[in-house]
Protein backbone atom coordinates (compact mmCIF):
# COMPACT_ATOMS: atom_id res chain seq x y z
CA MET A 1 29.26 12.22 32.53
CA GLN A 2 26.45 10.54 30.64
CA ARG A 3 26.70 10.13 26.89
CA GLN A 4 24.00 9.35 24.38
CA GLN A 5 24.67 6.00 22.72
CA LEU A 6 23.04 3.67 20.22
CA LYS A 7 20.99 0.95 21.97
CA SER A 8 18.82 -0.45 19.16
CA LYS A 9 19.09 -0.56 15.38
CA ILE A 10 16.95 -2.14 12.67
CA HIS A 11 19.03 -1.89 9.49
CA ARG A 12 17.91 -2.03 5.85
CA ALA A 13 14.20 -2.43 6.63
CA VAL A 14 11.70 -1.49 3.92
CA ILE A 15 8.73 0.82 4.48
CA THR A 16 5.78 -1.23 3.22
CA ARG A 17 3.15 1.50 3.49
CA ALA A 18 2.95 5.23 4.16
CA ASP A 19 -0.29 6.71 5.54
CA VAL A 20 -0.34 10.53 5.79
CA ASN A 21 -3.86 10.47 7.24
CA TYR A 22 -2.84 8.62 10.38
CA GLU A 23 -1.91 10.68 13.47
CA GLY A 24 1.80 9.82 13.44
CA SER A 25 4.42 7.22 14.37
CA ILE A 26 6.07 4.23 12.74
CA GLU A 27 4.44 0.83 13.09
CA ILE A 28 6.90 -2.05 13.49
CA PRO A 29 6.00 -5.75 13.90
CA ARG A 30 6.31 -6.97 17.48
CA ASP A 31 8.92 -9.63 16.53
CA LEU A 32 11.24 -6.98 15.04
CA MET A 33 10.70 -4.73 18.05
CA GLN A 34 11.61 -7.55 20.44
CA ALA A 35 14.69 -8.54 18.41
CA ALA A 36 15.92 -4.92 18.47
CA ASP A 37 14.87 -4.25 22.10
CA LEU A 38 12.40 -1.48 21.19
CA TRP A 39 9.46 -0.57 23.42
CA PRO A 40 6.01 0.69 22.41
CA ARG A 41 6.02 4.51 22.20
CA GLU A 42 9.84 4.63 22.31
CA LYS A 43 11.37 7.55 20.42
CA VAL A 44 13.29 6.52 17.30
CA LEU A 45 15.34 8.15 14.59
CA VAL A 46 14.39 6.89 11.13
CA ALA A 47 16.99 7.46 8.39
CA SER A 48 16.14 6.69 4.77
CA ILE A 49 18.93 4.89 2.95
CA THR A 50 17.02 5.60 -0.28
CA SER A 51 16.52 9.38 -0.04
CA GLY A 52 18.71 10.52 2.85
CA ALA A 53 15.71 11.92 4.76
CA ARG A 54 15.86 11.66 8.57
CA LEU A 55 13.12 12.13 11.14
CA GLU A 56 12.18 11.36 14.73
CA THR A 57 8.95 9.66 15.70
CA TYR A 58 7.73 6.99 18.11
CA VAL A 59 7.12 3.25 17.76
CA GLN A 60 3.72 1.60 17.58
CA VAL A 61 3.38 -2.18 17.86
CA GLY A 62 2.44 -4.00 14.66
CA ALA A 63 1.32 -7.57 14.15
CA THR A 64 4.01 -10.23 14.64
CA GLY A 65 5.41 -11.88 11.53
CA THR A 66 3.81 -9.58 8.96
CA GLY A 67 6.93 -7.69 7.90
CA GLU A 68 4.74 -4.58 7.64
CA ILE A 69 6.60 -1.39 8.57
CA ILE A 70 4.27 1.57 8.19
CA MET A 71 5.26 5.24 8.25
CA ASN A 72 2.34 7.30 9.57
CA GLY A 73 1.28 10.93 9.63
CA GLY A 74 3.30 13.83 8.31
CA ALA A 75 6.43 11.67 8.36
CA ALA A 76 4.94 9.76 5.42
CA HIS A 77 5.59 12.87 3.30
CA ARG A 78 9.34 12.54 4.06
CA ILE A 79 9.81 8.76 3.92
CA GLY A 80 7.48 6.75 1.70
CA SER A 81 6.54 3.23 0.74
CA GLY A 82 9.39 1.19 -0.75
CA GLU A 83 12.20 3.16 0.87
CA ARG A 84 14.99 1.32 2.70
CA VAL A 85 15.53 2.69 6.19
CA THR A 86 17.55 2.35 9.35
CA ILE A 87 15.55 2.71 12.58
CA MET A 88 17.61 3.66 15.65
CA ALA A 89 16.98 4.26 19.35
CA PHE A 90 19.46 5.75 21.79
CA THR A 91 20.02 5.77 25.53
CA TRP A 92 22.00 7.82 28.04
CA ALA A 93 24.66 6.05 30.12
CA GLU A 94 27.94 6.73 31.89
CA GLN A 95 29.53 3.54 30.56
CA PRO A 96 29.44 1.97 27.07
CA VAL A 97 26.25 -0.01 26.40
CA SER A 98 25.64 -3.02 24.20
CA ALA A 99 23.42 -2.30 21.21
CA ARG A 100 21.00 -4.73 19.55
CA VAL A 101 21.46 -4.66 15.76
CA VAL A 102 18.91 -6.38 13.52
CA LEU A 103 19.51 -6.73 9.77
CA CYS A 104 16.43 -7.20 7.56
CA ASP A 105 15.93 -8.58 4.06
CA GLU A 106 13.67 -6.99 1.42
CA THR A 107 10.55 -8.47 3.11
CA ASN A 108 11.61 -7.29 6.60
CA ARG A 109 12.46 -10.77 7.77
CA ILE A 110 15.40 -10.96 10.18
CA VAL A 111 18.64 -11.92 8.42
CA SER A 112 20.74 -11.50 11.56
CA ALA A 113 20.38 -10.16 15.09
CA ASN A 114 23.51 -9.35 17.04
CA THR A 115 24.63 -7.49 20.10
CA LEU A 116 27.24 -4.86 19.36
CA THR A 117 29.54 -4.53 22.38
CA GLU A 118 32.33 -2.15 23.23
CA SER A 119 34.92 -4.71 22.13
CA SER A 120 33.20 -5.19 18.75
CA GLN A 121 33.35 -1.48 17.93
CA PRO A 122 35.64 -0.50 15.05
CA GLN A 123 39.04 0.53 16.35
CA THR A 124 40.46 3.88 15.30
CA ASP A 125 43.92 5.28 15.78
CA SER A 126 44.21 8.37 17.93
CA CYS A 127 45.60 11.52 16.40
CA THR A 128 48.86 12.70 17.89
């Protein structure tokens, strides 16, 4: 049986601009995309740490090294400039997958980039 699992996560990024007049998507700098293993046009879940809003959209490639993360289209009404967000992508697999996790500072520079493996998952006790 296949299960949907986290494959990519950019954590604590800051939306630097919100443009409701653009057709849609979230623009992410190429260097952040590569660090998190995100592809152009890949579907992502964006969750605002600031407001609690959540939405799905797709990734557009932004200029490398700018730190500019831009929320476009109608999504800009839900998550605006200055909000801290987590950007996540998922995959389907029959076995556990390793997830790329990128932590950003307030200027969207990479603080850390790690691979989260099955063995690094938090352990929980089973209920009996």
